Each structure stands twice: as structure tokens, then as C-alpha cells.
Protein backbone atom coordinates (compact mmCIF):
# COMPACT_ATOMS: atom_id res chain seq x y z
CA MET A 1 -14.24 -2.52 -9.73
CA CYS A 2 -11.90 0.12 -8.35
CA PRO A 3 -13.17 3.69 -8.66
CA ALA A 4 -11.51 6.02 -11.13
CA ALA A 5 -8.93 8.41 -9.62
CA THR A 6 -9.30 12.15 -9.66
CA PRO A 7 -6.54 14.69 -9.04
CA ALA A 8 -7.94 15.32 -5.54
CA ASP A 9 -7.55 11.62 -4.71
CA ASP A 10 -3.85 12.17 -4.01
CA ILE A 11 -4.75 14.26 -0.97
CA ALA A 12 -8.25 13.02 -0.18
CA ASP A 13 -8.74 10.45 2.56
CA ASP A 14 -10.16 7.02 1.75
CA SER A 15 -13.51 7.81 3.35
CA ALA A 16 -14.31 10.10 0.43
CA ARG A 17 -14.26 7.18 -2.02
CA ALA A 18 -17.32 5.11 -2.78
CA PRO A 19 -17.27 1.52 -1.51
CA ALA A 20 -15.97 -0.85 -4.16
CA ASN A 21 -14.90 -4.43 -4.65
CA HIS A 22 -11.13 -4.05 -4.61
CA GLY A 23 -8.66 -6.70 -5.70
CA TYR A 24 -7.35 -7.08 -2.15
CA THR A 25 -10.80 -7.76 -0.65
CA ALA A 26 -10.24 -11.51 -0.49
CA ASP A 27 -6.90 -10.99 1.29
CA LYS A 28 -8.03 -8.50 3.95
CA ALA A 29 -7.39 -10.89 6.84
CA LYS A 30 -3.81 -11.55 5.64
CA LEU A 31 -3.19 -7.84 5.15
CA HIS A 32 -4.52 -7.03 8.61
CA THR A 33 -2.25 -9.71 10.07
CA ARG A 34 0.80 -8.30 8.30
CA LEU A 35 -0.04 -4.74 9.32
CA ARG A 36 -0.57 -5.73 12.97
CA ARG A 37 2.85 -7.44 12.87
CA ILE A 38 4.37 -4.21 11.49
CA GLU A 39 2.58 -2.24 14.18
CA GLY A 40 4.17 -4.53 16.77
CA GLN A 41 7.61 -3.96 15.20
CA VAL A 42 7.11 -0.19 15.43
CA ARG A 43 6.10 -0.53 19.11
CA GLY A 44 9.27 -2.58 19.55
CA LEU A 45 11.27 0.27 18.05
CA GLN A 46 9.77 2.66 20.60
CA ARG A 47 10.79 0.28 23.39
CA MET A 48 14.28 0.00 21.94
CA ILE A 49 14.62 3.81 22.04
CA ASP A 50 13.23 3.94 25.59
CA GLU A 51 15.78 1.30 26.64
CA ASP A 52 18.70 3.08 24.95
CA THR A 53 19.37 0.16 22.61
CA TYR A 54 22.51 0.28 20.50
CA CYS A 55 22.03 2.50 17.40
CA ILE A 56 22.83 -0.20 14.85
CA ASP A 57 20.29 -2.55 16.40
CA VAL A 58 17.60 0.15 16.14
CA LEU A 59 18.57 0.86 12.54
CA THR A 60 18.40 -2.86 11.73
CA GLN A 61 14.85 -2.98 13.13
CA ILE A 62 13.89 0.15 11.17
CA SER A 63 15.11 -1.58 8.02
CA ALA A 64 12.96 -4.59 8.83
CA VAL A 65 9.88 -2.40 9.27
CA ASN A 66 10.58 -0.64 5.96
CA SER A 67 10.96 -3.98 4.20
CA ALA A 68 7.72 -5.26 5.69
CA LEU A 69 5.84 -2.11 4.58
CA GLN A 70 7.32 -2.39 1.08
CA SER A 71 6.13 -6.01 0.94
CA VAL A 72 2.57 -4.92 1.84
CA ALA A 73 2.75 -2.11 -0.73
CA LEU A 74 3.92 -4.45 -3.48
CA ALA A 75 1.13 -6.94 -2.66
CA MET A 76 -1.40 -4.12 -2.87
CA LEU A 77 0.07 -2.92 -6.16
CA ASP A 78 -0.03 -6.45 -7.57
CA ASP A 79 -3.68 -6.81 -6.57
CA HIS A 80 -4.47 -3.45 -8.11
CA LEU A 81 -2.81 -4.33 -11.40
CA HIS A 82 -4.45 -7.73 -11.66
CA HIS A 83 -7.89 -6.57 -10.58
CA CYS A 84 -8.53 -2.89 -11.16
CA VAL A 85 -6.19 -2.18 -14.08
CA ALA A 86 -6.85 -5.45 -15.88
CA GLY A 87 -10.59 -4.97 -15.46
CA ALA A 88 -10.41 -1.42 -16.83
CA ILE A 89 -8.37 -2.59 -19.79
CA ALA A 90 -10.84 -5.39 -20.52
CA ASN A 91 -13.69 -2.84 -20.47
CA GLY A 92 -11.70 -0.41 -22.65
CA GLY A 93 -12.37 3.28 -23.04
CA GLU A 94 -10.92 6.24 -21.13
CA ASP A 95 -11.03 4.36 -17.83
CA ALA A 96 -8.30 2.02 -19.06
CA ALA A 97 -5.86 4.83 -19.74
CA ALA A 98 -6.76 6.47 -16.41
CA LYS A 99 -6.07 3.23 -14.51
CA ILE A 100 -2.70 2.80 -16.22
CA ASP A 101 -1.76 6.42 -15.37
CA GLU A 102 -2.94 5.89 -11.80
CA ALA A 103 -0.82 2.71 -11.46
CA SER A 104 2.19 4.49 -12.94
CA ALA A 105 1.84 7.30 -10.41
CA ALA A 106 1.58 4.79 -7.58
CA ILE A 107 4.74 2.98 -8.75
CA LYS A 108 6.59 6.31 -8.93
CA ARG A 109 5.56 7.07 -5.34
CA LEU A 110 6.76 3.61 -4.20
CA VAL A 111 10.09 3.96 -6.01
CA ARG A 112 10.69 7.39 -4.38
CA SER A 113 10.06 6.06 -0.89
């Protein structure tokens, strides 16, 4: 189950959290593949800048990277809602409300970005 969030979690690094069985655990390989692809796209952007590529072409590639990151973020959010939030709601208590608040805050951050 996902650990409960604390106010410090917004600025704490992930190493401070206890190991847990997260909803995305089964999809780690797919997530790593997607993130490596994004990493390659970012390296491609650096090459484009080094090679003085036309501005619009660079902006198009930046848009592709942003879309790819949003796709990963939405997959992570979906896993969190189906695993962590649903589990907390099934168990009831204060943890359920905390998980809903945590998910709402994450959605707000995604919408702002």
C-alpha cells in the first residue's frame, strides 16, 4: 500500500519514504522504457541546439517531450488512483481522506504544468 503523505513529502526526496508496494510496480519495465525514450528525445533536443536546427523544429520536439512526460504522469496517476487511493478507501478511516487530498494535490500540480 502507498504510504500516507505528510506536508514535508512535497519537498522531501523519494529516498525518505519507506519501501512500499506501489500500483506501478508491475509496470516498472514499461515505465523505464518510456522514460529512457524521453531521455533520448531530450538528448536529441541538445543535439538540435548544437546543430543550430530551425527554431520551429526544436519547439516541435519540445512539445513531443512534454506530451510524452504528461503521458507517463497520467499513467502514474491512474495507477495511484486504482491502487493506493482505492485501497485506502476500501480500508476506510482517515487514511482514505488523506489519499483523496493527496491525489487532488497531484492533479492540481499536473494541471498547472
